[in-house]
Amino acid sequence: MKLGSSSISVMSLLIITMSSLLIHTSQDSPTPRDFLMTLINHNLARAHVGVAHIVWNETVAAYARDYAEKRAADCDLIHSRGPYGENLAMGPRGGPFVVDDAVTMWVGEENDYNYASNSCQPRKGCGHYTQVIWRKSVHVGCARVICDNGGTFIICSYDPPGNIIGERPY
């Protein structure tokens, strides 16, 4: 079987991503392995636009976990105003909604982003997508919590933050 260069690139990306997951583990919190598909989907979206892969960072993940726990009481999509960029999502009550579902939703905003004008299409949002692919963001950490109301709160934090006004994501 002959592989094309894009197949080899995707395979290389997956190998690099999986290798980076083995660096940090923690007994008392979700490990990067728990977010394998989340990281892979971030990196596939980044590879699609020629941006280097992003790696899991336990410090950033700890920040995301702490903030998710603070939102567990109300599940409100309120940004932390902390030191990291972040994407937030809320899943339905009682339904399975995992971090990778949120990433898929954020990456789905790709069609609403216009690179030529560096803006979203009229009446559309694309800031989640641009944060996922932001070239200067090199670390990510995500968390998920089931809220008191039964909903699911998801946060991915990015270091350094993206969506800098006047800059392009890549």
N, C-alpha and C. Protein backbone atom coordinates (compact mmCIF):
# COMPACT_ATOMS: atom_id res chain seq x y z
N MET A 1 0.85 -1.19 0.00
CA MET A 1 0.00 0.00 0.00
C MET A 1 0.89 1.24 0.00
N LYS A 2 0.62 2.15 -0.91
CA LYS A 2 1.40 3.36 -1.02
C LYS A 2 0.68 4.49 -0.26
N LEU A 3 1.43 5.16 0.61
CA LEU A 3 0.84 6.26 1.39
C LEU A 3 1.24 7.58 0.75
N GLY A 4 0.28 8.50 0.67
CA GLY A 4 0.58 9.84 0.20
C GLY A 4 1.21 10.67 1.30
N SER A 5 1.76 11.82 0.92
CA SER A 5 2.42 12.67 1.92
C SER A 5 1.45 13.17 2.98
N SER A 6 0.17 13.39 2.61
CA SER A 6 -0.78 13.86 3.62
C SER A 6 -1.09 12.74 4.61
N SER A 7 -1.12 11.48 4.16
CA SER A 7 -1.33 10.36 5.08
C SER A 7 -0.18 10.23 6.06
N ILE A 8 1.03 10.40 5.53
CA ILE A 8 2.20 10.32 6.39
C ILE A 8 2.20 11.47 7.39
N SER A 9 1.80 12.67 6.94
CA SER A 9 1.74 13.81 7.85
C SER A 9 0.76 13.59 8.98
N VAL A 10 -0.42 13.06 8.65
CA VAL A 10 -1.42 12.80 9.68
C VAL A 10 -0.92 11.73 10.64
N MET A 11 -0.31 10.67 10.10
CA MET A 11 0.23 9.62 10.96
C MET A 11 1.33 10.17 11.86
N SER A 12 2.21 11.02 11.32
CA SER A 12 3.26 11.62 12.14
C SER A 12 2.67 12.47 13.24
N LEU A 13 1.64 13.24 12.89
CA LEU A 13 0.97 14.08 13.88
C LEU A 13 0.38 13.24 15.00
N LEU A 14 -0.25 12.12 14.66
CA LEU A 14 -0.83 11.26 15.67
C LEU A 14 0.24 10.66 16.57
N ILE A 15 1.37 10.26 16.00
CA ILE A 15 2.46 9.70 16.79
C ILE A 15 3.02 10.75 17.74
N ILE A 16 3.25 11.96 17.24
CA ILE A 16 3.77 13.04 18.09
C ILE A 16 2.78 13.35 19.20
N THR A 17 1.50 13.44 18.86
CA THR A 17 0.47 13.75 19.85
C THR A 17 0.42 12.68 20.93
N MET A 18 0.39 11.42 20.51
CA MET A 18 0.31 10.34 21.49
C MET A 18 1.56 10.30 22.37
N SER A 19 2.71 10.60 21.81
CA SER A 19 3.94 10.63 22.60
C SER A 19 3.89 11.73 23.64
N SER A 20 3.37 12.89 23.25
CA SER A 20 3.32 14.01 24.19
C SER A 20 2.36 13.72 25.34
N LEU A 21 1.38 12.84 25.14
CA LEU A 21 0.43 12.51 26.19
C LEU A 21 1.06 11.72 27.33
N LEU A 22 2.15 11.06 27.06
CA LEU A 22 2.76 10.21 28.07
C LEU A 22 3.64 10.98 29.04
N ILE A 23 3.83 12.26 28.81
CA ILE A 23 4.73 13.05 29.62
C ILE A 23 4.19 13.29 31.03
N HIS A 24 2.92 13.70 31.15
CA HIS A 24 2.35 14.05 32.46
C HIS A 24 1.22 13.11 32.82
N THR A 25 1.22 12.63 34.05
CA THR A 25 0.09 11.87 34.56
C THR A 25 -0.16 12.28 36.00
N SER A 26 -1.38 12.07 36.46
CA SER A 26 -1.74 12.41 37.82
C SER A 26 -2.72 11.37 38.33
N GLN A 27 -2.55 10.92 39.55
CA GLN A 27 -3.42 9.90 40.13
C GLN A 27 -4.79 10.45 40.51
N ASP A 28 -4.86 11.74 40.89
CA ASP A 28 -6.10 12.26 41.46
C ASP A 28 -6.92 13.11 40.49
N SER A 29 -6.57 13.16 39.24
CA SER A 29 -7.31 13.95 38.27
C SER A 29 -7.24 13.27 36.91
N PRO A 30 -8.11 13.69 35.98
CA PRO A 30 -8.03 13.09 34.65
C PRO A 30 -6.64 13.29 34.06
N THR A 31 -6.15 12.27 33.43
CA THR A 31 -4.83 12.35 32.81
C THR A 31 -4.99 12.84 31.38
N PRO A 32 -3.90 13.25 30.76
CA PRO A 32 -3.98 13.62 29.34
C PRO A 32 -4.53 12.49 28.48
N ARG A 33 -4.32 11.25 28.87
CA ARG A 33 -4.88 10.13 28.10
C ARG A 33 -6.40 10.20 28.03
N ASP A 34 -7.02 10.75 29.09
CA ASP A 34 -8.48 10.89 29.09
C ASP A 34 -8.94 11.86 28.01
N PHE A 35 -8.07 12.69 27.56
CA PHE A 35 -8.42 13.72 26.58
C PHE A 35 -7.70 13.49 25.25
N LEU A 36 -7.34 12.23 24.97
CA LEU A 36 -6.60 11.90 23.76
C LEU A 36 -7.31 12.41 22.51
N MET A 37 -8.58 12.08 22.33
CA MET A 37 -9.29 12.52 21.13
C MET A 37 -9.42 14.04 21.08
N THR A 38 -9.54 14.66 22.23
CA THR A 38 -9.60 16.11 22.30
C THR A 38 -8.33 16.70 21.72
N LEU A 39 -7.19 16.19 22.15
CA LEU A 39 -5.91 16.70 21.67
C LEU A 39 -5.71 16.38 20.19
N ILE A 40 -6.06 15.18 19.80
CA ILE A 40 -5.93 14.81 18.39
C ILE A 40 -6.77 15.73 17.51
N ASN A 41 -8.01 16.00 17.91
CA ASN A 41 -8.87 16.86 17.09
C ASN A 41 -8.39 18.31 17.07
N HIS A 42 -7.84 18.80 18.16
CA HIS A 42 -7.20 20.12 18.12
C HIS A 42 -6.11 20.11 17.06
N ASN A 43 -5.26 19.09 17.11
CA ASN A 43 -4.10 19.05 16.23
C ASN A 43 -4.46 18.77 14.78
N LEU A 44 -5.52 18.04 14.52
CA LEU A 44 -5.96 17.86 13.14
C LEU A 44 -6.45 19.19 12.56
N ALA A 45 -7.19 19.96 13.34
CA ALA A 45 -7.65 21.28 12.88
C ALA A 45 -6.47 22.20 12.64
N ARG A 46 -5.48 22.15 13.52
CA ARG A 46 -4.29 22.99 13.37
C ARG A 46 -3.47 22.56 12.15
N ALA A 47 -3.33 21.27 11.94
CA ALA A 47 -2.58 20.77 10.78
C ALA A 47 -3.27 21.18 9.48
N HIS A 48 -4.60 21.22 9.50
CA HIS A 48 -5.36 21.59 8.31
C HIS A 48 -4.99 22.98 7.81
N VAL A 49 -4.58 23.88 8.72
CA VAL A 49 -4.20 25.25 8.32
C VAL A 49 -2.69 25.46 8.43
N GLY A 50 -1.93 24.39 8.65
CA GLY A 50 -0.47 24.50 8.66
C GLY A 50 0.12 25.00 9.96
N VAL A 51 -0.59 24.83 11.06
CA VAL A 51 -0.12 25.29 12.37
C VAL A 51 0.45 24.09 13.13
N ALA A 52 1.56 24.32 13.84
CA ALA A 52 2.19 23.26 14.63
C ALA A 52 1.23 22.71 15.69
N HIS A 53 1.50 21.50 16.11
CA HIS A 53 0.62 20.86 17.08
C HIS A 53 0.68 21.57 18.44
N ILE A 54 -0.38 21.39 19.19
CA ILE A 54 -0.49 21.92 20.55
C ILE A 54 -0.29 20.74 21.50
N VAL A 55 0.28 20.98 22.66
CA VAL A 55 0.55 19.88 23.60
C VAL A 55 -0.23 20.10 24.90
N TRP A 56 -0.54 18.98 25.53
CA TRP A 56 -1.22 19.00 26.82
C TRP A 56 -0.28 19.58 27.86
N ASN A 57 -0.81 20.42 28.74
CA ASN A 57 -0.02 20.99 29.82
C ASN A 57 -0.81 20.82 31.11
N GLU A 58 -0.23 20.14 32.08
CA GLU A 58 -0.94 19.83 33.31
C GLU A 58 -1.23 21.08 34.14
N THR A 59 -0.38 22.09 34.09
CA THR A 59 -0.64 23.34 34.82
C THR A 59 -1.88 24.03 34.24
N VAL A 60 -1.96 24.08 32.93
CA VAL A 60 -3.11 24.68 32.26
C VAL A 60 -4.37 23.84 32.53
N ALA A 61 -4.22 22.52 32.52
CA ALA A 61 -5.35 21.63 32.81
C ALA A 61 -5.84 21.81 34.25
N ALA A 62 -4.91 22.00 35.19
CA ALA A 62 -5.30 22.21 36.59
C ALA A 62 -6.10 23.51 36.72
N TYR A 63 -5.69 24.54 36.00
CA TYR A 63 -6.44 25.79 36.00
C TYR A 63 -7.86 25.55 35.47
N ALA A 64 -7.95 24.80 34.36
CA ALA A 64 -9.27 24.51 33.77
C ALA A 64 -10.13 23.73 34.75
N ARG A 65 -9.54 22.74 35.42
CA ARG A 65 -10.31 21.94 36.40
C ARG A 65 -10.81 22.82 37.54
N ASP A 66 -9.95 23.68 38.06
CA ASP A 66 -10.35 24.57 39.16
C ASP A 66 -11.51 25.47 38.73
N TYR A 67 -11.41 26.01 37.52
CA TYR A 67 -12.49 26.90 37.08
C TYR A 67 -13.77 26.12 36.81
N ALA A 68 -13.65 24.94 36.24
CA ALA A 68 -14.84 24.12 35.99
C ALA A 68 -15.57 23.83 37.31
N GLU A 69 -14.81 23.52 38.34
CA GLU A 69 -15.43 23.25 39.66
C GLU A 69 -16.17 24.48 40.18
N LYS A 70 -15.65 25.68 39.92
CA LYS A 70 -16.33 26.91 40.35
C LYS A 70 -17.65 27.11 39.60
N ARG A 71 -17.74 26.61 38.38
CA ARG A 71 -18.94 26.78 37.57
C ARG A 71 -19.94 25.65 37.79
N ALA A 72 -19.57 24.64 38.55
CA ALA A 72 -20.45 23.47 38.75
C ALA A 72 -21.77 23.86 39.41
N ALA A 73 -21.79 24.89 40.23
CA ALA A 73 -23.02 25.27 40.93
C ALA A 73 -24.07 25.83 39.98
N ASP A 74 -23.63 26.53 38.91
CA ASP A 74 -24.61 27.18 38.03
C ASP A 74 -24.47 26.83 36.55
N CYS A 75 -23.33 26.31 36.14
CA CYS A 75 -23.10 25.91 34.75
C CYS A 75 -23.14 27.11 33.78
N ASP A 76 -23.01 28.32 34.31
CA ASP A 76 -23.05 29.50 33.46
C ASP A 76 -21.79 29.61 32.61
N LEU A 77 -21.98 29.99 31.36
CA LEU A 77 -20.86 30.16 30.44
C LEU A 77 -20.25 31.54 30.63
N ILE A 78 -19.55 31.69 31.75
CA ILE A 78 -18.89 32.94 32.10
C ILE A 78 -17.39 32.68 32.04
N HIS A 79 -16.68 33.52 31.29
CA HIS A 79 -15.22 33.35 31.19
C HIS A 79 -14.54 33.70 32.51
N SER A 80 -13.43 33.03 32.74
CA SER A 80 -12.72 33.19 34.01
C SER A 80 -11.97 34.51 34.13
N ARG A 81 -11.65 35.12 33.02
CA ARG A 81 -10.83 36.34 33.00
C ARG A 81 -9.45 36.08 33.60
N GLY A 82 -8.99 34.85 33.46
CA GLY A 82 -7.69 34.45 33.98
C GLY A 82 -6.58 34.67 32.97
N PRO A 83 -5.43 34.04 33.21
CA PRO A 83 -4.25 34.29 32.39
C PRO A 83 -4.23 33.54 31.06
N TYR A 84 -5.21 32.67 30.83
CA TYR A 84 -5.21 31.83 29.64
C TYR A 84 -6.35 32.20 28.70
N GLY A 85 -6.17 31.84 27.44
CA GLY A 85 -7.29 31.89 26.51
C GLY A 85 -8.21 30.74 26.89
N GLU A 86 -9.47 30.82 26.51
CA GLU A 86 -10.35 29.70 26.85
C GLU A 86 -11.54 29.62 25.93
N ASN A 87 -11.97 28.40 25.74
CA ASN A 87 -13.22 28.09 25.07
C ASN A 87 -14.11 27.39 26.08
N LEU A 88 -15.38 27.77 26.08
CA LEU A 88 -16.35 27.19 27.00
C LEU A 88 -17.48 26.55 26.20
N ALA A 89 -18.07 25.53 26.78
CA ALA A 89 -19.25 24.91 26.19
C ALA A 89 -20.11 24.33 27.29
N MET A 90 -21.41 24.23 27.01
CA MET A 90 -22.32 23.60 27.95
C MET A 90 -23.11 22.54 27.21
N GLY A 91 -23.15 21.36 27.80
CA GLY A 91 -23.89 20.25 27.21
C GLY A 91 -25.24 20.10 27.87
N PRO A 92 -26.10 19.32 27.25
CA PRO A 92 -27.48 19.15 27.73
C PRO A 92 -27.55 18.39 29.04
N ARG A 93 -28.61 18.61 29.76
CA ARG A 93 -28.86 17.87 31.00
C ARG A 93 -29.04 16.40 30.70
N GLY A 94 -28.36 15.59 31.47
CA GLY A 94 -28.51 14.16 31.38
C GLY A 94 -27.94 13.51 30.14
N GLY A 95 -27.50 14.31 29.17
CA GLY A 95 -26.96 13.73 27.94
C GLY A 95 -25.47 13.57 28.00
N PRO A 96 -24.96 12.59 27.31
CA PRO A 96 -23.50 12.45 27.27
C PRO A 96 -22.91 13.59 26.44
N PHE A 97 -22.03 14.35 27.01
CA PHE A 97 -21.35 15.45 26.34
C PHE A 97 -19.94 15.48 26.88
N VAL A 98 -18.99 15.14 26.05
CA VAL A 98 -17.60 15.06 26.48
C VAL A 98 -16.82 16.20 25.85
N VAL A 99 -15.59 16.38 26.31
CA VAL A 99 -14.77 17.50 25.84
C VAL A 99 -14.61 17.44 24.33
N ASP A 100 -14.41 16.24 23.79
CA ASP A 100 -14.24 16.14 22.34
C ASP A 100 -15.47 16.61 21.58
N ASP A 101 -16.66 16.44 22.15
CA ASP A 101 -17.88 16.98 21.51
C ASP A 101 -17.79 18.50 21.41
N ALA A 102 -17.28 19.12 22.45
CA ALA A 102 -17.14 20.58 22.44
C ALA A 102 -16.11 21.00 21.39
N VAL A 103 -14.98 20.28 21.32
CA VAL A 103 -13.95 20.63 20.33
C VAL A 103 -14.52 20.50 18.92
N THR A 104 -15.28 19.45 18.68
CA THR A 104 -15.91 19.27 17.36
C THR A 104 -16.83 20.44 17.04
N MET A 105 -17.57 20.91 18.03
CA MET A 105 -18.45 22.05 17.85
C MET A 105 -17.63 23.32 17.53
N TRP A 106 -16.55 23.53 18.28
CA TRP A 106 -15.71 24.72 18.05
C TRP A 106 -15.06 24.69 16.68
N VAL A 107 -14.52 23.55 16.30
CA VAL A 107 -13.87 23.42 14.99
C VAL A 107 -14.92 23.57 13.88
N GLY A 108 -16.16 23.25 14.18
CA GLY A 108 -17.24 23.42 13.21
C GLY A 108 -17.47 24.87 12.81
N GLU A 109 -16.91 25.81 13.55
CA GLU A 109 -17.03 27.23 13.21
C GLU A 109 -16.08 27.62 12.07
N GLU A 110 -15.28 26.68 11.59
CA GLU A 110 -14.29 26.99 10.53
C GLU A 110 -14.94 27.68 9.33
N ASN A 111 -16.09 27.21 8.90
CA ASN A 111 -16.75 27.80 7.73
C ASN A 111 -17.24 29.22 7.97
N ASP A 112 -17.30 29.61 9.23
CA ASP A 112 -17.75 30.97 9.56
C ASP A 112 -16.59 31.95 9.69
N TYR A 113 -15.36 31.47 9.52
CA TYR A 113 -14.18 32.33 9.60
C TYR A 113 -13.70 32.69 8.20
N ASN A 114 -13.45 33.98 7.99
CA ASN A 114 -12.94 34.47 6.72
C ASN A 114 -11.51 34.95 6.94
N TYR A 115 -10.55 34.18 6.42
CA TYR A 115 -9.14 34.53 6.64
C TYR A 115 -8.78 35.85 5.97
N ALA A 116 -9.32 36.10 4.78
CA ALA A 116 -8.97 37.32 4.04
C ALA A 116 -9.29 38.58 4.85
N SER A 117 -10.44 38.58 5.51
CA SER A 117 -10.83 39.76 6.31
C SER A 117 -10.50 39.58 7.79
N ASN A 118 -10.01 38.37 8.16
CA ASN A 118 -9.72 38.04 9.56
C ASN A 118 -10.93 38.33 10.45
N SER A 119 -12.08 37.86 10.00
CA SER A 119 -13.31 38.12 10.74
C SER A 119 -14.29 36.96 10.54
N CYS A 120 -15.32 36.97 11.37
CA CYS A 120 -16.38 35.97 11.25
C CYS A 120 -17.38 36.44 10.20
N GLN A 121 -18.08 35.49 9.62
CA GLN A 121 -19.15 35.83 8.69
C GLN A 121 -20.21 36.63 9.46
N PRO A 122 -20.98 37.47 8.77
CA PRO A 122 -22.00 38.26 9.46
C PRO A 122 -22.95 37.37 10.29
N ARG A 123 -23.20 37.81 11.49
CA ARG A 123 -24.10 37.14 12.44
C ARG A 123 -23.66 35.72 12.78
N LYS A 124 -22.37 35.45 12.69
CA LYS A 124 -21.82 34.13 13.02
C LYS A 124 -20.68 34.31 14.01
N GLY A 125 -20.45 33.28 14.80
CA GLY A 125 -19.32 33.27 15.72
C GLY A 125 -18.23 32.35 15.20
N CYS A 126 -16.99 32.73 15.40
CA CYS A 126 -15.89 31.87 14.98
C CYS A 126 -14.70 31.97 15.94
N GLY A 127 -14.88 32.64 17.06
CA GLY A 127 -13.78 32.83 18.01
C GLY A 127 -13.32 31.55 18.68
N HIS A 128 -14.22 30.58 18.83
CA HIS A 128 -13.79 29.29 19.40
C HIS A 128 -12.83 28.61 18.43
N TYR A 129 -13.20 28.63 17.14
CA TYR A 129 -12.36 28.01 16.12
C TYR A 129 -10.99 28.69 16.07
N THR A 130 -10.97 30.03 16.04
CA THR A 130 -9.68 30.70 15.92
C THR A 130 -8.81 30.45 17.15
N GLN A 131 -9.40 30.26 18.32
CA GLN A 131 -8.59 29.92 19.49
C GLN A 131 -8.00 28.53 19.33
N VAL A 132 -8.76 27.57 18.83
CA VAL A 132 -8.24 26.21 18.63
C VAL A 132 -7.02 26.22 17.71
N ILE A 133 -7.07 27.02 16.64
CA ILE A 133 -5.98 27.00 15.65
C ILE A 133 -4.95 28.11 15.86
N TRP A 134 -5.07 28.88 16.93
CA TRP A 134 -4.18 30.03 17.14
C TRP A 134 -2.73 29.56 17.20
N ARG A 135 -1.93 30.01 16.27
CA ARG A 135 -0.54 29.57 16.11
C ARG A 135 0.30 29.74 17.37
N LYS A 136 0.14 30.84 18.07
CA LYS A 136 0.99 31.11 19.23
C LYS A 136 0.55 30.36 20.48
N SER A 137 -0.64 29.78 20.48
CA SER A 137 -1.08 28.94 21.61
C SER A 137 -0.42 27.58 21.44
N VAL A 138 0.40 27.20 22.39
CA VAL A 138 1.15 25.94 22.25
C VAL A 138 0.82 24.92 23.34
N HIS A 139 0.08 25.33 24.37
CA HIS A 139 -0.31 24.43 25.46
C HIS A 139 -1.83 24.49 25.64
N VAL A 140 -2.41 23.34 25.96
CA VAL A 140 -3.84 23.27 26.21
C VAL A 140 -4.09 22.38 27.42
N GLY A 141 -5.15 22.67 28.12
CA GLY A 141 -5.63 21.83 29.21
C GLY A 141 -7.13 21.99 29.28
N CYS A 142 -7.85 20.90 29.44
CA CYS A 142 -9.30 20.94 29.41
C CYS A 142 -9.89 20.26 30.64
N ALA A 143 -11.13 20.57 30.91
CA ALA A 143 -11.84 19.94 32.04
C ALA A 143 -13.32 19.88 31.73
N ARG A 144 -13.97 18.97 32.42
CA ARG A 144 -15.41 18.75 32.26
C ARG A 144 -15.99 18.49 33.64
N VAL A 145 -17.15 19.10 33.91
CA VAL A 145 -17.80 18.87 35.19
C VAL A 145 -19.31 18.76 34.95
N ILE A 146 -19.95 17.87 35.68
CA ILE A 146 -21.41 17.78 35.67
C ILE A 146 -21.91 18.79 36.69
N CYS A 147 -22.75 19.68 36.25
CA CYS A 147 -23.23 20.76 37.11
C CYS A 147 -24.38 20.30 38.00
N ASP A 148 -24.66 21.10 39.02
CA ASP A 148 -25.74 20.81 39.95
C ASP A 148 -27.09 20.69 39.25
N ASN A 149 -27.25 21.42 38.11
CA ASN A 149 -28.51 21.36 37.37
C ASN A 149 -28.56 20.20 36.38
N GLY A 150 -27.51 19.36 36.36
CA GLY A 150 -27.47 18.20 35.47
C GLY A 150 -26.81 18.46 34.14
N GLY A 151 -26.51 19.72 33.84
CA GLY A 151 -25.82 20.05 32.60
C GLY A 151 -24.33 19.73 32.71
N THR A 152 -23.64 19.89 31.62
CA THR A 152 -22.21 19.64 31.58
C THR A 152 -21.49 20.91 31.19
N PHE A 153 -20.51 21.31 31.99
CA PHE A 153 -19.69 22.49 31.71
C PHE A 153 -18.32 22.00 31.24
N ILE A 154 -17.87 22.54 30.11
CA ILE A 154 -16.57 22.17 29.54
C ILE A 154 -15.76 23.42 29.31
N ILE A 155 -14.48 23.32 29.65
CA ILE A 155 -13.54 24.40 29.40
C ILE A 155 -12.25 23.82 28.85
N CYS A 156 -11.72 24.48 27.83
CA CYS A 156 -10.35 24.24 27.39
C CYS A 156 -9.62 25.56 27.53
N SER A 157 -8.50 25.54 28.21
CA SER A 157 -7.67 26.72 28.41
C SER A 157 -6.44 26.62 27.53
N TYR A 158 -5.96 27.76 27.04
CA TYR A 158 -4.87 27.81 26.07
C TYR A 158 -3.78 28.78 26.52
N ASP A 159 -2.54 28.34 26.37
CA ASP A 159 -1.40 29.16 26.76
C ASP A 159 -0.38 29.19 25.63
N PRO A 160 0.05 30.38 25.25
CA PRO A 160 -0.54 31.68 25.59
C PRO A 160 -1.91 31.85 24.94
N PRO A 161 -2.67 32.82 25.45
CA PRO A 161 -4.02 33.01 24.91
C PRO A 161 -3.98 33.47 23.45
N GLY A 162 -5.05 33.14 22.73
CA GLY A 162 -5.20 33.59 21.35
C GLY A 162 -6.24 34.67 21.23
N ASN A 163 -6.72 34.83 20.01
CA ASN A 163 -7.73 35.84 19.68
C ASN A 163 -7.31 37.24 20.09
N ILE A 164 -6.08 37.58 19.74
CA ILE A 164 -5.54 38.91 20.00
C ILE A 164 -6.05 39.83 18.88
N ILE A 165 -6.73 40.90 19.26
CA ILE A 165 -7.29 41.83 18.28
C ILE A 165 -6.19 42.38 17.38
N GLY A 166 -6.44 42.34 16.09
CA GLY A 166 -5.48 42.83 15.11
C GLY A 166 -4.49 41.79 14.62
N GLU A 167 -4.47 40.63 15.24
CA GLU A 167 -3.58 39.55 14.80
C GLU A 167 -4.40 38.46 14.11
N ARG A 168 -3.75 37.75 13.22
CA ARG A 168 -4.37 36.60 12.57
C ARG A 168 -4.00 35.34 13.33
N PRO A 169 -4.88 34.33 13.29
CA PRO A 169 -4.58 33.11 14.03
C PRO A 169 -3.40 32.32 13.47
N TYR A 170 -3.11 32.48 12.17
CA TYR A 170 -2.00 31.76 11.55
C TYR A 170 -1.51 32.53 10.34
